[in-house]
């Protein structure tokens, strides 16, 4: 079956389409994709993963067409980052 694997950093984004066996798990597909060799700092014990934006476990079964996403750790506390003005509010 065909699935996608996506990972993004500020300077580089990668989205791969790969063919995996029907019984593949999230972890098996990530390993098969070669993305861990391209980004050796990815540690699947620390990075969270998801399928189409919903958190998933590494042992989750895949379905044809799934897109696995590898999420980077948060580097800034959202509570301390200034909020951007809503469009049009900064004109007043």
Protein backbone atom coordinates (compact mmCIF):
# COMPACT_ATOMS: atom_id res chain seq x y z
CA UNK A 1 0.00 0.00 0.00
CA UNK A 2 1.12 3.55 -0.57
CA UNK A 3 1.50 6.01 2.33
CA UNK A 4 3.23 9.31 2.96
CA UNK A 5 5.77 10.37 5.58
CA UNK A 6 6.23 14.06 6.38
CA UNK A 7 8.72 16.00 8.50
CA UNK A 8 9.39 19.71 8.61
CA UNK A 9 12.14 21.89 10.01
CA UNK A 10 12.40 25.66 9.61
CA UNK A 11 14.94 25.29 6.79
CA UNK A 12 13.74 22.08 5.17
CA UNK A 13 10.54 20.14 4.61
CA UNK A 14 10.30 16.59 3.37
CA UNK A 15 7.29 14.61 2.23
CA UNK A 16 7.89 11.12 0.90
CA UNK A 17 5.46 8.73 -0.76
CA UNK A 18 6.48 5.14 -0.19
CA UNK A 19 5.13 1.65 -0.72
CA UNK A 20 4.89 -0.47 2.43
CA UNK A 21 3.55 -3.96 3.19
CA UNK A 22 -0.15 -4.09 4.13
CA UNK A 23 0.54 -4.95 7.79
CA UNK A 24 2.94 -2.03 8.36
CA UNK A 25 2.99 0.06 11.52
CA UNK A 26 3.83 3.73 11.85
CA UNK A 27 7.33 2.92 13.13
CA UNK A 28 8.06 0.38 10.40
CA UNK A 29 7.00 2.85 7.71
CA UNK A 30 9.13 5.65 9.19
CA UNK A 31 12.14 3.34 9.31
CA UNK A 32 11.53 2.08 5.77
CA UNK A 33 11.18 5.64 4.43
CA UNK A 34 14.84 6.48 5.11
CA UNK A 35 13.87 9.72 6.83
CA UNK A 36 15.81 8.73 9.97
CA UNK A 37 19.03 8.55 7.93
CA UNK A 38 18.35 11.97 6.40
CA UNK A 39 17.52 13.52 9.79
CA UNK A 40 19.59 11.51 12.31
CA UNK A 41 18.56 13.77 15.19
CA UNK A 42 14.98 12.44 15.04
CA UNK A 43 14.48 10.27 18.12
CA UNK A 44 11.21 8.39 17.89
CA UNK A 45 11.21 7.91 21.66
CA UNK A 46 11.03 11.71 22.09
CA UNK A 47 9.32 13.01 18.94
CA UNK A 48 5.57 12.61 18.69
CA UNK A 49 3.95 11.22 15.55
CA UNK A 50 0.52 11.42 14.03
CA UNK A 51 -1.60 10.35 11.09
CA UNK A 52 -3.37 13.21 9.30
CA UNK A 53 -2.91 15.54 12.28
CA UNK A 54 -4.12 13.12 14.95
CA UNK A 55 -1.66 11.73 17.47
CA UNK A 56 -0.73 8.09 16.87
CA UNK A 57 1.33 5.42 18.58
CA UNK A 58 4.36 3.93 16.84
CA UNK A 59 2.68 0.52 16.77
CA UNK A 60 -0.50 1.85 15.11
CA UNK A 61 -1.54 -0.01 11.97
CA UNK A 62 -1.60 1.93 8.72
CA UNK A 63 -4.26 2.16 6.04
CA UNK A 64 -3.70 2.90 2.35
CA UNK A 65 -3.15 6.60 1.74
CA UNK A 66 -2.27 7.50 5.35
CA UNK A 67 0.13 10.41 5.89
CA UNK A 68 2.45 9.94 8.85
CA UNK A 69 3.66 13.20 10.37
CA UNK A 70 6.68 13.47 12.66
CA UNK A 71 6.31 16.41 15.05
CA UNK A 72 9.25 18.41 16.35
CA UNK A 73 9.34 19.30 20.05
CA UNK A 74 7.94 22.73 20.92
CA UNK A 75 10.80 25.20 21.27
CA UNK A 76 8.84 28.17 22.65
CA UNK A 77 6.21 28.33 25.34
CA UNK A 78 3.03 29.45 23.54
CA UNK A 79 1.94 31.33 26.67
CA UNK A 80 4.98 33.61 26.47
CA UNK A 81 4.98 34.29 22.73
CA UNK A 82 3.26 37.60 21.90
CA UNK A 83 0.07 37.09 19.98
CA UNK A 84 -0.19 38.60 16.52
CA UNK A 85 -2.81 41.25 15.97
CA UNK A 86 -5.92 39.99 14.26
CA UNK A 87 -6.08 41.33 10.71
CA UNK A 88 -7.42 44.87 10.78
CA UNK A 89 -7.11 45.39 14.55
CA UNK A 90 -3.74 47.12 14.30
CA UNK A 91 -5.20 49.97 12.18
CA UNK A 92 -6.90 51.59 15.17
